[in-house]
Every structure is written in structure tokens, then in C-alpha cells.
Amino acid sequence: MLWAKGGAMIFDLRDAWDDMNRAQHDFNSEWTSKVVAAQVWTLPIKATAQSSKVITPILLEGQEAIEATKKGITQFEKEETQHPGTVVRLPGWIGVHTSVLASARVANRARQRFLDLLGTEVDKTNLKTMSKGKFARSALKVQVVLKQIERRIQVFDGTPRRILFTWAGHTAAPEAVALSKVIEKLQIQLEDAIRAEDLPKEQQRKMELRALNGLSPEAVMHRYRPIAPHPRVMLYFGEGARYDAMPHANLPIFVVMNEKAPWPRVDGLGTFDPEKARRLRSDKATRHPVIPRLDLYLQTDREPIKGEFDHETSMSLASTYNQKT
């Protein structure tokens, strides 16, 4: 059993977990009564961490799509056959006749409150070797998948003229890592190696720490986290050639269908073929390895850290896009 600092059991995290689940069910109760169109694509659940060679989505429409979306929104636990290092994704779109924006924001805030509290509790325990995911699974006694909690329900109070689903191929997302954090981690590993009398590991950690000594204390390194092929969706509200929003397609997006406006053109999600997706980027920044074992690089050329909110949009309609809560 995990305990918070001071000996008090972690009841707050369980309360936040229950509140988060309740908020998702409340959101499901609202939008399901307003549906006028529903399309989703189910993807194979991955039993291994290896990337699939070919991914063939299965289209669901109508009531089947509604049921799959309800499950996806509340799916914070690992499937029985799901590898713990993977996520379940459900790209798609739901058209509703009136706005569900307010309840989506409530559901998103409940997700963020749980994540914020989890981070606070992990910091309190001072367990530097335990990840947030492991902490949550131990405290809640459920197979939590944090990536499926970190998703945001995306709602747009407008009717797009086009909804385009595509695949993002094998990519690597740069994550900024502070030098102080790396040194702290290596020192812990060095102490563990000394206690275990593991001489090769001890020598390697000492060598890695020496490599960091010559860097500026303000130095920021990048860890390139490989991202498996994943679906994405682009929404076009205006008449321009460029999309107005590109939220993650981990869950179906919600749009309001104006009875006076034409229904959107929908380009559905096709099969992912890795051979077609394999393209070298021309804008790669120069990387200088610092600790190859940890995939840590010193960045010399400017490379922006991109995330879910990296596309600026001039949309005038209300939405959850570019909002963390």
C-alpha cells in the first residue's frame, strides 16, 4: 500500500479517479441523445510493443459507432490483450444537433485534476525510480493507462466543410530534458551499481556523469521518443486550402451539425502502409549524442517541441481545441 507523506493514505487520488470517471459518463449521457451522424474506425489492439507493419481500420457507423465512442471516452484501463506500452485509439467523428461543449470541458477538467493530483502525490512520496503510471496502478489497484487519460475530448461548435483522416508515419517527438534531472538519475543508478557491486555498470555511469560535467548548468537536452504510426484528423471550416484544426485522432471529434449548412465531406481513414509512409524529412535538425544509451542529444539547431497544440488557428467558433482544460 502506498502512503502519502505524513502517513496518511492516498484517498484523494481514489476520489479524483472516481470523479473523473463520473464526469466521462455524464458527458456520454449528454452527447448520445443529440447524435445525428457517427463514424469511427476501430484499430487492432496491440499485444506487443512493436509497430504493426500494416494497419487496417474497420469502419463503424450509427449505433455501433456510438457504443464504441462511449467505451473509448471512459477507457482508462488496459485491455486484457493490450501491451502495457501501447494505447487504444478510436479515430472518428460525431455530429450532434446542439452543443456539448460545456460538458466536454467538465470532463476534460476532471481528467486534468486527476493528472495534477497524481503528479503531486508522486512528488510527495519522493520515489524517484517510480513512474506516475506505476504509482497510479499501485495506488488504485487497476491497470491504468495514463496516455488514455491524458487525451482531451475535442468539441467544435461549428460544421466543418471537410473532415480529413490520414496517418502519421514513424516519427520521433523531441522531449526537453533538464541537465539536473539527468545527473540526478545517473547518480541514483551509480549508487545502486556500487551497492550491487556491479563494476561494469558503475564504470559506465561514472563515464556518463563525466560527459555531463563539461556542459553548461542551463543546458537542455532532447530525448527523441519514437511514436508509432497513428491517425490524425484535419478539419476545414473556412474556404482556405490549409486546415483550421488538427487535433489528435485518439478519440472521435464532436462537431455541431447546422441543419442549414451542407454536411461535411469526410475523407475516411484508410489502411496504413509503412512502405508508403517512409519518407525522410528535409528539415531535420542536427543532433549531437551525449548519452546514446538514454537517447539523449544536445540540440544545436533550433527545433521546436511540438505537441497537441502546435497549430495556431484563427477559428472564431467555440471549441476545446488548443485548450488543456
C-alpha atoms as a PDB file:
ATOM      1  CA  MET A   1       0.000   0.000   0.000  1.00  0.00           C
ATOM      2  CA  LEU A   2       1.321   3.432  -0.909  1.00  0.00           C
ATOM      3  CA  TRP A   3       1.211   6.203   1.677  1.00  0.00           C
ATOM      4  CA  ALA A   4       1.464   9.930   1.255  1.00  0.00           C
ATOM      5  CA  LYS A   5       3.999  11.945   3.236  1.00  0.00           C
ATOM      6  CA  GLY A   6       2.976  12.115   6.886  1.00  0.00           C
ATOM      7  CA  GLY A   7       1.444   8.622   6.943  1.00  0.00           C
ATOM      8  CA  ALA A   8      -1.995   9.459   5.511  1.00  0.00           C
ATOM      9  CA  MET A   9      -3.333   7.003   2.976  1.00  0.00           C
ATOM     10  CA  ILE A  10      -3.961   8.290  -0.534  1.00  0.00           C
ATOM     11  CA  PHE A  11      -7.729   8.622  -0.558  1.00  0.00           C
ATOM     12  CA  ASP A  12      -7.708  11.851  -2.597  1.00  0.00           C
ATOM     13  CA  LEU A  13      -6.358  10.046  -5.655  1.00  0.00           C
ATOM     14  CA  ARG A  14      -9.154   7.491  -5.481  1.00  0.00           C
ATOM     15  CA  ASP A  15     -11.703  10.322  -5.149  1.00  0.00           C
ATOM     16  CA  ALA A  16     -10.212  12.092  -8.177  1.00  0.00           C
ATOM     17  CA  TRP A  17     -10.318   8.811 -10.108  1.00  0.00           C
ATOM     18  CA  ASP A  18     -13.992   8.324  -9.254  1.00  0.00           C
ATOM     19  CA  ASP A  19     -14.818  11.961 -10.103  1.00  0.00           C
ATOM     20  CA  MET A  20     -13.026  11.652 -13.435  1.00  0.00           C
ATOM     21  CA  ASN A  21     -14.908   8.503 -14.396  1.00  0.00           C
ATOM     22  CA  ARG A  22     -18.215  10.051 -13.328  1.00  0.00           C
ATOM     23  CA  ALA A  23     -17.571  13.140 -15.471  1.00  0.00           C
ATOM     24  CA  GLN A  24     -16.915  10.985 -18.555  1.00  0.00           C
ATOM     25  CA  HIS A  25     -20.155   9.058 -18.008  1.00  0.00           C
ATOM     26  CA  ASP A  26     -22.018  12.360 -17.584  1.00  0.00           C
ATOM     27  CA  PHE A  27     -20.595  13.552 -20.889  1.00  0.00           C
ATOM     28  CA  ASN A  28     -21.644  10.297 -22.552  1.00  0.00           C
ATOM     29  CA  SER A  29     -25.172  10.751 -21.205  1.00  0.00           C
ATOM     30  CA  GLU A  30     -25.416  14.174 -22.835  1.00  0.00           C
ATOM     31  CA  TRP A  31     -23.986  13.696 -26.305  1.00  0.00           C
ATOM     32  CA  THR A  32     -25.636  10.340 -27.041  1.00  0.00           C
ATOM     33  CA  SER A  33     -29.079  11.974 -27.016  1.00  0.00           C
ATOM     34  CA  LYS A  34     -28.004  14.566 -29.615  1.00  0.00           C
ATOM     35  CA  VAL A  35     -26.344  12.435 -32.302  1.00  0.00           C
ATOM     36  CA  VAL A  36     -27.261  12.980 -35.942  1.00  0.00           C
ATOM     37  CA  ALA A  37     -24.212  11.272 -37.511  1.00  0.00           C
ATOM     38  CA  ALA A  38     -21.493   8.934 -36.236  1.00  0.00           C
ATOM     39  CA  GLN A  39     -18.485   7.299 -37.881  1.00  0.00           C
ATOM     40  CA  VAL A  40     -15.471   5.732 -36.171  1.00  0.00           C
ATOM     41  CA  TRP A  41     -12.647   3.423 -37.206  1.00  0.00           C
ATOM     42  CA  THR A  42     -11.525   0.706 -34.812  1.00  0.00           C
ATOM     43  CA  LEU A  43      -7.850  -0.254 -34.867  1.00  0.00           C
ATOM     44  CA  PRO A  44      -6.267  -3.568 -33.825  1.00  0.00           C
ATOM     45  CA  ILE A  45      -5.300  -3.801 -30.153  1.00  0.00           C
ATOM     46  CA  LYS A  46      -1.559  -4.333 -29.996  1.00  0.00           C
ATOM     47  CA  ALA A  47      -0.340  -7.308 -27.980  1.00  0.00           C
ATOM     48  CA  THR A  48       3.326  -6.295 -28.410  1.00  0.00           C
ATOM     49  CA  ALA A  49       5.237  -3.021 -28.311  1.00  0.00           C
ATOM     50  CA  GLN A  50       6.464  -3.477 -31.880  1.00  0.00           C
ATOM     51  CA  SER A  51       4.945  -1.316 -34.596  1.00  0.00           C
ATOM     52  CA  SER A  52       2.499  -3.052 -36.885  1.00  0.00           C
ATOM     53  CA  LYS A  53       3.574  -3.444 -40.500  1.00  0.00           C
ATOM     54  CA  VAL A  54       0.152  -2.820 -41.989  1.00  0.00           C
ATOM     55  CA  ILE A  55      -2.810  -1.395 -40.060  1.00  0.00           C
ATOM     56  CA  THR A  56      -6.289  -1.920 -41.469  1.00  0.00           C
ATOM     57  CA  PRO A  57      -9.050   0.122 -39.773  1.00  0.00           C
ATOM     58  CA  ILE A  58     -12.615  -1.179 -39.517  1.00  0.00           C
ATOM     59  CA  LEU A  59     -15.399   1.349 -40.129  1.00  0.00           C
ATOM     60  CA  LEU A  60     -18.328   1.502 -37.702  1.00  0.00           C
ATOM     61  CA  GLU A  61     -21.342   3.735 -38.272  1.00  0.00           C
ATOM     62  CA  GLY A  62     -24.541   4.667 -36.480  1.00  0.00           C
ATOM     63  CA  GLN A  63     -25.292   2.894 -33.204  1.00  0.00           C
ATOM     64  CA  GLU A  64     -22.155   0.743 -33.398  1.00  0.00           C
ATOM     65  CA  ALA A  65     -20.048   3.900 -33.650  1.00  0.00           C
ATOM     66  CA  ILE A  66     -21.927   5.471 -30.732  1.00  0.00           C
ATOM     67  CA  GLU A  67     -21.304   2.456 -28.485  1.00  0.00           C
ATOM     68  CA  ALA A  68     -17.622   2.316 -29.444  1.00  0.00           C
ATOM     69  CA  THR A  69     -17.246   6.042 -28.677  1.00  0.00           C
ATOM     70  CA  LYS A  70     -18.918   5.722 -25.279  1.00  0.00           C
ATOM     71  CA  LYS A  71     -16.449   2.971 -24.399  1.00  0.00           C
ATOM     72  CA  GLY A  72     -13.456   4.885 -25.767  1.00  0.00           C
ATOM     73  CA  ILE A  73     -14.196   8.005 -23.719  1.00  0.00           C
ATOM     74  CA  THR A  74     -14.266   6.030 -20.458  1.00  0.00           C
ATOM     75  CA  GLN A  75     -11.460   3.604 -21.336  1.00  0.00           C
ATOM     76  CA  PHE A  76      -8.735   4.393 -18.820  1.00  0.00           C
ATOM     77  CA  GLU A  77      -7.746   0.795 -18.072  1.00  0.00           C
ATOM     78  CA  LYS A  78      -5.706  -1.641 -20.136  1.00  0.00           C
ATOM     79  CA  GLU A  79      -7.491  -4.202 -22.284  1.00  0.00           C
ATOM     80  CA  GLU A  80      -6.729  -7.820 -21.436  1.00  0.00           C
ATOM     81  CA  THR A  81      -4.748  -8.377 -24.652  1.00  0.00           C
ATOM     82  CA  GLN A  82      -3.217  -4.875 -24.757  1.00  0.00           C
ATOM     83  CA  HIS A  83       0.526  -4.484 -24.289  1.00  0.00           C
ATOM     84  CA  PRO A  84       1.151  -2.052 -21.378  1.00  0.00           C
ATOM     85  CA  GLY A  85       3.352   0.166 -23.531  1.00  0.00           C
ATOM     86  CA  THR A  86       0.646   0.799 -26.119  1.00  0.00           C
ATOM     87  CA  VAL A  87      -2.590   2.795 -26.314  1.00  0.00           C
ATOM     88  CA  VAL A  88      -6.034   2.096 -27.735  1.00  0.00           C
ATOM     89  CA  ARG A  89      -7.088   4.689 -30.318  1.00  0.00           C
ATOM     90  CA  LEU A  90     -10.503   5.343 -31.837  1.00  0.00           C
ATOM     91  CA  PRO A  91     -10.404   7.946 -34.631  1.00  0.00           C
ATOM     92  CA  GLY A  92     -13.747   9.170 -35.883  1.00  0.00           C
ATOM     93  CA  TRP A  93     -16.323  11.943 -35.790  1.00  0.00           C
ATOM     94  CA  ILE A  94     -19.679  12.506 -34.123  1.00  0.00           C
ATOM     95  CA  GLY A  95     -22.184  15.074 -35.399  1.00  0.00           C
ATOM     96  CA  VAL A  96     -24.585  16.499 -32.797  1.00  0.00           C
ATOM     97  CA  HIS A  97     -27.547  18.823 -33.316  1.00  0.00           C
ATOM     98  CA  THR A  98     -26.723  21.090 -30.354  1.00  0.00           C
ATOM     99  CA  SER A  99     -23.536  21.932 -28.488  1.00  0.00           C
ATOM    100  CA  VAL A 100     -21.932  19.545 -25.998  1.00  0.00           C
ATOM    101  CA  LEU A 101     -19.004  21.893 -25.375  1.00  0.00           C
ATOM    102  CA  ALA A 102     -19.763  22.709 -21.720  1.00  0.00           C
ATOM    103  CA  SER A 103     -19.950  19.086 -20.584  1.00  0.00           C
ATOM    104  CA  ALA A 104     -16.837  18.201 -22.612  1.00  0.00           C
ATOM    105  CA  ARG A 105     -14.922  20.898 -20.754  1.00  0.00           C
ATOM    106  CA  VAL A 106     -16.122  19.474 -17.433  1.00  0.00           C
ATOM    107  CA  ALA A 107     -14.945  16.005 -18.486  1.00  0.00           C
ATOM    108  CA  ASN A 108     -11.566  17.367 -19.627  1.00  0.00           C
ATOM    109  CA  ARG A 109     -11.081  19.303 -16.382  1.00  0.00           C
ATOM    110  CA  ALA A 110     -11.777  16.130 -14.393  1.00  0.00           C
ATOM    111  CA  ARG A 111      -9.054  14.339 -16.357  1.00  0.00           C
ATOM    112  CA  GLN A 112      -6.612  17.166 -15.690  1.00  0.00           C
ATOM    113  CA  ARG A 113      -7.434  17.269 -11.967  1.00  0.00           C
ATOM    114  CA  PHE A 114      -6.635  13.576 -11.678  1.00  0.00           C
ATOM    115  CA  LEU A 115      -3.335  14.024 -13.540  1.00  0.00           C
ATOM    116  CA  ASP A 116      -2.372  17.069 -11.439  1.00  0.00           C
ATOM    117  CA  LEU A 117      -3.118  15.248  -8.191  1.00  0.00           C
ATOM    118  CA  LEU A 118      -1.219  12.180  -9.375  1.00  0.00           C
ATOM    119  CA  GLY A 119       1.830  14.339 -10.064  1.00  0.00           C
ATOM    120  CA  THR A 120       1.565  15.908  -6.603  1.00  0.00           C
ATOM    121  CA  GLU A 121       1.284  12.522  -4.879  1.00  0.00           C
ATOM    122  CA  VAL A 122       4.274  11.119  -6.775  1.00  0.00           C
ATOM    123  CA  ASP A 123       6.344  14.152  -5.728  1.00  0.00           C
ATOM    124  CA  LYS A 124       5.288  13.678  -2.093  1.00  0.00           C
ATOM    125  CA  THR A 125       6.498  10.083  -1.979  1.00  0.00           C
ATOM    126  CA  ASN A 126       9.916  11.108  -3.349  1.00  0.00           C
ATOM    127  CA  LEU A 127      10.084   7.776  -5.187  1.00  0.00           C
ATOM    128  CA  LYS A 128      12.415   8.878  -7.957  1.00  0.00           C
ATOM    129  CA  THR A 129      12.564   5.444  -9.555  1.00  0.00           C
ATOM    130  CA  MET A 130       8.762   5.040  -9.801  1.00  0.00           C
ATOM    131  CA  SER A 131       6.874   6.393 -12.794  1.00  0.00           C
ATOM    132  CA  LYS A 132       3.485   8.070 -12.484  1.00  0.00           C
ATOM    133  CA  GLY A 133       1.901   5.121 -14.239  1.00  0.00           C
ATOM    134  CA  LYS A 134       3.335   2.577 -11.806  1.00  0.00           C
ATOM    135  CA  PHE A 135       2.328   4.762  -8.868  1.00  0.00           C
ATOM    136  CA  ALA A 136      -1.255   5.066 -10.128  1.00  0.00           C
ATOM    137  CA  ARG A 137      -1.565   1.335 -10.789  1.00  0.00           C
ATOM    138  CA  SER A 138      -0.265   0.523  -7.317  1.00  0.00           C
ATOM    139  CA  ALA A 139      -2.435   3.097  -5.529  1.00  0.00           C
ATOM    140  CA  LEU A 140      -5.675   2.394  -7.406  1.00  0.00           C
ATOM    141  CA  LYS A 141      -5.230  -1.364  -7.912  1.00  0.00           C
ATOM    142  CA  VAL A 142      -6.302  -1.059 -11.549  1.00  0.00           C
ATOM    143  CA  GLN A 143      -4.315  -1.310 -14.780  1.00  0.00           C
ATOM    144  CA  VAL A 144      -4.318   2.419 -15.532  1.00  0.00           C
ATOM    145  CA  VAL A 145      -3.102   3.636 -18.949  1.00  0.00           C
ATOM    146  CA  LEU A 146      -2.090   7.269 -18.385  1.00  0.00           C
ATOM    147  CA  LYS A 147      -1.851   8.074 -22.092  1.00  0.00           C
ATOM    148  CA  GLN A 148      -5.551   7.277 -22.408  1.00  0.00           C
ATOM    149  CA  ILE A 149      -6.320   9.692 -19.558  1.00  0.00           C
ATOM    150  CA  GLU A 150      -4.143  12.471 -20.993  1.00  0.00           C
ATOM    151  CA  ARG A 151      -6.325  12.703 -24.087  1.00  0.00           C
ATOM    152  CA  ARG A 152      -8.691  15.614 -24.452  1.00  0.00           C
ATOM    153  CA  ILE A 153     -12.229  15.350 -25.756  1.00  0.00           C
ATOM    154  CA  GLN A 154     -12.284  17.651 -28.788  1.00  0.00           C
ATOM    155  CA  VAL A 155     -15.509  19.558 -29.487  1.00  0.00           C
ATOM    156  CA  PHE A 156     -16.121  22.192 -32.177  1.00  0.00           C
ATOM    157  CA  ASP A 157     -19.271  24.320 -32.126  1.00  0.00           C
ATOM    158  CA  GLY A 158     -19.486  24.520 -35.886  1.00  0.00           C
ATOM    159  CA  THR A 159     -19.904  22.468 -39.051  1.00  0.00           C
ATOM    160  CA  PRO A 160     -16.672  21.866 -40.967  1.00  0.00           C
ATOM    161  CA  ARG A 161     -16.850  21.720 -44.742  1.00  0.00           C
ATOM    162  CA  ARG A 162     -14.332  18.874 -44.731  1.00  0.00           C
ATOM    163  CA  ILE A 163     -13.021  16.282 -42.256  1.00  0.00           C
ATOM    164  CA  LEU A 164      -9.862  14.532 -43.430  1.00  0.00           C
ATOM    165  CA  PHE A 165      -8.403  11.476 -41.681  1.00  0.00           C
ATOM    166  CA  THR A 166      -4.836  10.444 -42.501  1.00  0.00           C
ATOM    167  CA  TRP A 167      -1.932   8.550 -40.958  1.00  0.00           C
ATOM    168  CA  ALA A 168       1.220   9.953 -39.401  1.00  0.00           C
ATOM    169  CA  GLY A 169       4.029   7.503 -40.090  1.00  0.00           C
ATOM    170  CA  HIS A 170       7.007   6.529 -37.956  1.00  0.00           C
ATOM    171  CA  THR A 171       8.065   9.767 -36.246  1.00  0.00           C
ATOM    172  CA  ALA A 172      10.122  10.834 -33.238  1.00  0.00           C
ATOM    173  CA  ALA A 173       8.914  13.501 -30.834  1.00  0.00           C
ATOM    174  CA  PRO A 174      11.639  15.611 -29.159  1.00  0.00           C
ATOM    175  CA  GLU A 175      11.171  15.945 -25.404  1.00  0.00           C
ATOM    176  CA  ALA A 176      13.187  18.537 -23.465  1.00  0.00           C
ATOM    177  CA  VAL A 177      15.142  17.086 -20.527  1.00  0.00           C
ATOM    178  CA  ALA A 178      16.912  19.300 -17.964  1.00  0.00           C
ATOM    179  CA  LEU A 179      20.566  18.521 -17.256  1.00  0.00           C
ATOM    180  CA  SER A 180      19.918  18.456 -13.495  1.00  0.00           C
ATOM    181  CA  LYS A 181      17.316  15.700 -13.917  1.00  0.00           C
ATOM    182  CA  VAL A 182      19.705  13.550 -15.938  1.00  0.00           C
ATOM    183  CA  ILE A 183      22.516  13.964 -13.398  1.00  0.00           C
ATOM    184  CA  GLU A 184      20.161  13.080 -10.543  1.00  0.00           C
ATOM    185  CA  LYS A 185      19.021   9.925 -12.329  1.00  0.00           C
ATOM    186  CA  LEU A 186      22.578   8.826 -13.135  1.00  0.00           C
ATOM    187  CA  GLN A 187      23.734   9.401  -9.554  1.00  0.00           C
ATOM    188  CA  ILE A 188      20.929   7.175  -8.254  1.00  0.00           C
ATOM    189  CA  GLN A 189      21.898   4.486 -10.771  1.00  0.00           C
ATOM    190  CA  LEU A 190      25.559   4.827  -9.779  1.00  0.00           C
ATOM    191  CA  GLU A 191      24.728   4.338  -6.096  1.00  0.00           C
ATOM    192  CA  ASP A 192      22.644   1.271  -6.961  1.00  0.00           C
ATOM    193  CA  ALA A 193      25.514  -0.176  -9.015  1.00  0.00           C
ATOM    194  CA  ILE A 194      28.011   0.384  -6.182  1.00  0.00           C
ATOM    195  CA  ARG A 195      25.709  -1.327  -3.683  1.00  0.00           C
ATOM    196  CA  ALA A 196      25.208  -4.250  -6.060  1.00  0.00           C
ATOM    197  CA  GLU A 197      28.967  -4.424  -6.736  1.00  0.00           C
ATOM    198  CA  ASP A 198      28.216  -4.240 -10.451  1.00  0.00           C
ATOM    199  CA  LEU A 199      31.560  -2.915 -11.692  1.00  0.00           C
ATOM    200  CA  PRO A 200      30.719  -2.576 -15.434  1.00  0.00           C
ATOM    201  CA  LYS A 201      27.573  -0.593 -14.656  1.00  0.00           C
ATOM    202  CA  GLU A 202      29.431   1.514 -12.078  1.00  0.00           C
ATOM    203  CA  GLN A 203      32.146   2.391 -14.597  1.00  0.00           C
ATOM    204  CA  GLN A 204      29.604   3.245 -17.288  1.00  0.00           C
ATOM    205  CA  ARG A 205      27.609   5.566 -15.013  1.00  0.00           C
ATOM    206  CA  LYS A 206      30.810   7.339 -13.906  1.00  0.00           C
ATOM    207  CA  MET A 207      31.803   7.820 -17.539  1.00  0.00           C
ATOM    208  CA  GLU A 208      28.369   9.241 -18.377  1.00  0.00           C
ATOM    209  CA  LEU A 209      28.498  11.646 -15.433  1.00  0.00           C
ATOM    210  CA  ARG A 210      31.926  12.851 -16.586  1.00  0.00           C
ATOM    211  CA  ALA A 211      30.486  13.512 -20.047  1.00  0.00           C
ATOM    212  CA  LEU A 212      27.919  15.833 -18.481  1.00  0.00           C
ATOM    213  CA  ASN A 213      30.412  17.786 -16.380  1.00  0.00           C
ATOM    214  CA  GLY A 214      31.518  19.896 -19.333  1.00  0.00           C
ATOM    215  CA  LEU A 215      28.015  21.097 -20.154  1.00  0.00           C
ATOM    216  CA  SER A 216      26.503  24.371 -19.012  1.00  0.00           C
ATOM    217  CA  PRO A 217      24.176  24.010 -15.980  1.00  0.00           C
ATOM    218  CA  GLU A 218      21.436  25.563 -18.131  1.00  0.00           C
ATOM    219  CA  ALA A 219      21.932  23.037 -20.912  1.00  0.00           C
ATOM    220  CA  VAL A 220      18.792  21.362 -22.170  1.00  0.00           C
ATOM    221  CA  MET A 221      18.978  18.019 -23.879  1.00  0.00           C
ATOM    222  CA  HIS A 222      16.445  16.310 -26.064  1.00  0.00           C
ATOM    223  CA  ARG A 223      15.219  12.771 -25.804  1.00  0.00           C
ATOM    224  CA  TYR A 224      13.675  11.539 -29.021  1.00  0.00           C
ATOM    225  CA  ARG A 225      10.694   9.420 -28.147  1.00  0.00           C
ATOM    226  CA  PRO A 226       9.662   7.185 -31.031  1.00  0.00           C
ATOM    227  CA  ILE A 227       5.995   7.482 -31.928  1.00  0.00           C
ATOM    228  CA  ALA A 228       4.213   4.562 -33.520  1.00  0.00           C
ATOM    229  CA  PRO A 229       2.076   5.143 -36.617  1.00  0.00           C
ATOM    230  CA  HIS A 230      -1.055   6.958 -35.501  1.00  0.00           C
ATOM    231  CA  PRO A 231      -4.129   8.516 -37.117  1.00  0.00           C
ATOM    232  CA  ARG A 232      -4.686  12.248 -37.327  1.00  0.00           C
ATOM    233  CA  VAL A 233      -7.625  14.376 -38.379  1.00  0.00           C
ATOM    234  CA  MET A 234      -7.736  17.741 -40.120  1.00  0.00           C
ATOM    235  CA  LEU A 235     -10.794  19.989 -40.037  1.00  0.00           C
ATOM    236  CA  TYR A 236     -11.516  22.663 -42.623  1.00  0.00           C
ATOM    237  CA  PHE A 237     -14.053  25.297 -41.553  1.00  0.00           C
ATOM    238  CA  GLY A 238     -13.097  28.129 -43.897  1.00  0.00           C
ATOM    239  CA  GLU A 239     -12.527  28.222 -47.630  1.00  0.00           C
ATOM    240  CA  GLY A 240      -8.727  28.201 -47.443  1.00  0.00           C
ATOM    241  CA  ALA A 241      -6.547  25.321 -48.605  1.00  0.00           C
ATOM    242  CA  ARG A 242      -4.960  24.926 -45.156  1.00  0.00           C
ATOM    243  CA  TYR A 243      -6.769  23.111 -42.378  1.00  0.00           C
ATOM    244  CA  ASP A 244      -8.111  25.122 -39.437  1.00  0.00           C
ATOM    245  CA  ALA A 245      -7.516  22.495 -36.751  1.00  0.00           C
ATOM    246  CA  MET A 246      -5.587  19.246 -36.428  1.00  0.00           C
ATOM    247  CA  PRO A 247      -6.385  17.660 -33.059  1.00  0.00           C
ATOM    248  CA  HIS A 248      -5.139  14.213 -32.172  1.00  0.00           C
ATOM    249  CA  ALA A 249      -7.369  11.477 -33.544  1.00  0.00           C
ATOM    250  CA  ASN A 250      -7.181   9.272 -30.459  1.00  0.00           C
ATOM    251  CA  LEU A 251     -10.895   9.756 -29.805  1.00  0.00           C
ATOM    252  CA  PRO A 252     -13.750  10.830 -32.083  1.00  0.00           C
ATOM    253  CA  ILE A 253     -14.145  14.580 -32.508  1.00  0.00           C
ATOM    254  CA  PHE A 254     -17.525  16.238 -31.950  1.00  0.00           C
ATOM    255  CA  VAL A 255     -18.956  18.833 -34.333  1.00  0.00           C
ATOM    256  CA  VAL A 256     -22.285  20.668 -34.350  1.00  0.00           C
ATOM    257  CA  MET A 257     -24.311  19.956 -37.483  1.00  0.00           C
ATOM    258  CA  ASN A 258     -26.169  23.033 -38.699  1.00  0.00           C
ATOM    259  CA  GLU A 259     -29.321  21.895 -40.492  1.00  0.00           C
ATOM    260  CA  LYS A 260     -28.992  24.842 -42.885  1.00  0.00           C
ATOM    261  CA  ALA A 261     -25.375  24.059 -43.800  1.00  0.00           C
ATOM    262  CA  PRO A 262     -24.181  21.235 -46.069  1.00  0.00           C
ATOM    263  CA  TRP A 263     -22.849  18.164 -44.333  1.00  0.00           C
ATOM    264  CA  PRO A 264     -19.062  17.926 -44.305  1.00  0.00           C
ATOM    265  CA  ARG A 265     -17.134  15.986 -46.879  1.00  0.00           C
ATOM    266  CA  VAL A 266     -15.482  13.154 -44.949  1.00  0.00           C
ATOM    267  CA  ASP A 267     -12.283  11.511 -46.181  1.00  0.00           C
ATOM    268  CA  GLY A 268     -12.194   8.334 -44.118  1.00  0.00           C
ATOM    269  CA  LEU A 269      -9.190   6.609 -42.583  1.00  0.00           C
ATOM    270  CA  GLY A 270      -7.535   4.171 -44.964  1.00  0.00           C
ATOM    271  CA  THR A 271      -5.028   1.374 -44.430  1.00  0.00           C
ATOM    272  CA  PHE A 272      -1.588   2.326 -43.099  1.00  0.00           C
ATOM    273  CA  ASP A 273       1.212   1.059 -45.333  1.00  0.00           C
ATOM    274  CA  PRO A 274       4.698   1.601 -43.830  1.00  0.00           C
ATOM    275  CA  GLU A 275       6.389   1.474 -47.239  1.00  0.00           C
ATOM    276  CA  LYS A 276       4.386   4.453 -48.461  1.00  0.00           C
ATOM    277  CA  ALA A 277       4.864   6.318 -45.178  1.00  0.00           C
ATOM    278  CA  ARG A 278       8.655   6.034 -45.123  1.00  0.00           C
ATOM    279  CA  ARG A 279       9.899   9.474 -46.106  1.00  0.00           C
ATOM    280  CA  LEU A 280      12.990  11.310 -44.900  1.00  0.00           C
ATOM    281  CA  ARG A 281      12.324  14.809 -43.574  1.00  0.00           C
ATOM    282  CA  SER A 282      14.322  17.623 -45.145  1.00  0.00           C
ATOM    283  CA  ASP A 283      14.123  19.834 -42.035  1.00  0.00           C
ATOM    284  CA  LYS A 284      15.877  17.535 -39.590  1.00  0.00           C
ATOM    285  CA  ALA A 285      17.922  19.423 -37.019  1.00  0.00           C
ATOM    286  CA  THR A 286      21.478  18.446 -36.157  1.00  0.00           C
ATOM    287  CA  ARG A 287      21.738  16.083 -33.194  1.00  0.00           C
ATOM    288  CA  HIS A 288      24.851  15.570 -31.076  1.00  0.00           C
ATOM    289  CA  PRO A 289      24.680  12.453 -28.886  1.00  0.00           C
ATOM    290  CA  VAL A 290      25.507  12.996 -25.213  1.00  0.00           C
ATOM    291  CA  ILE A 291      24.354   9.708 -23.692  1.00  0.00           C
ATOM    292  CA  PRO A 292      23.311   7.359 -26.508  1.00  0.00           C
ATOM    293  CA  ARG A 293      22.118   4.716 -24.032  1.00  0.00           C
ATOM    294  CA  LEU A 294      19.391   7.102 -22.860  1.00  0.00           C
ATOM    295  CA  ASP A 295      18.737   8.547 -26.337  1.00  0.00           C
ATOM    296  CA  LEU A 296      19.847  11.966 -25.072  1.00  0.00           C
ATOM    297  CA  TYR A 297      21.105  14.543 -27.540  1.00  0.00           C
ATOM    298  CA  LEU A 298      22.362  18.095 -27.302  1.00  0.00           C
ATOM    299  CA  GLN A 299      20.448  20.274 -29.710  1.00  0.00           C
ATOM    300  CA  THR A 300      22.414  22.913 -31.591  1.00  0.00           C
ATOM    301  CA  ASP A 301      19.918  23.904 -34.263  1.00  0.00           C
ATOM    302  CA  ARG A 302      16.610  25.309 -33.161  1.00  0.00           C
ATOM    303  CA  GLU A 303      13.934  22.639 -33.135  1.00  0.00           C
ATOM    304  CA  PRO A 304      10.510  23.437 -31.711  1.00  0.00           C
ATOM    305  CA  ILE A 305       8.955  20.978 -29.298  1.00  0.00           C
ATOM    306  CA  LYS A 306       5.656  20.120 -30.894  1.00  0.00           C
ATOM    307  CA  GLY A 307       2.634  18.712 -29.197  1.00  0.00           C
ATOM    308  CA  GLU A 308      -1.110  18.530 -29.486  1.00  0.00           C
ATOM    309  CA  PHE A 309      -1.446  22.304 -29.559  1.00  0.00           C
ATOM    310  CA  ASP A 310       1.221  23.205 -32.127  1.00  0.00           C
ATOM    311  CA  HIS A 311      -1.017  24.630 -34.850  1.00  0.00           C
ATOM    312  CA  GLU A 312      -2.218  28.178 -34.443  1.00  0.00           C
ATOM    313  CA  THR A 313      -5.730  28.682 -35.736  1.00  0.00           C
ATOM    314  CA  SER A 314      -7.832  31.752 -36.438  1.00  0.00           C
ATOM    315  CA  MET A 315     -11.139  29.945 -35.930  1.00  0.00           C
ATOM    316  CA  SER A 316     -13.828  32.160 -34.442  1.00  0.00           C
ATOM    317  CA  LEU A 317     -16.033  29.277 -33.316  1.00  0.00           C
ATOM    318  CA  ALA A 318     -16.002  27.993 -29.737  1.00  0.00           C
ATOM    319  CA  SER A 319     -14.139  24.741 -29.156  1.00  0.00           C
ATOM    320  CA  THR A 320     -11.883  22.779 -26.822  1.00  0.00           C
ATOM    321  CA  TYR A 321      -9.075  22.962 -29.394  1.00  0.00           C
ATOM    322  CA  ASN A 322      -5.807  24.449 -28.115  1.00  0.00           C
ATOM    323  CA  GLN A 323      -7.182  24.302 -24.570  1.00  0.00           C
ATOM    324  CA  LYS A 324      -5.720  21.948 -21.983  1.00  0.00           C
ATOM    325  CA  THR A 325      -8.886  22.008 -19.877  1.00  0.00           C
END
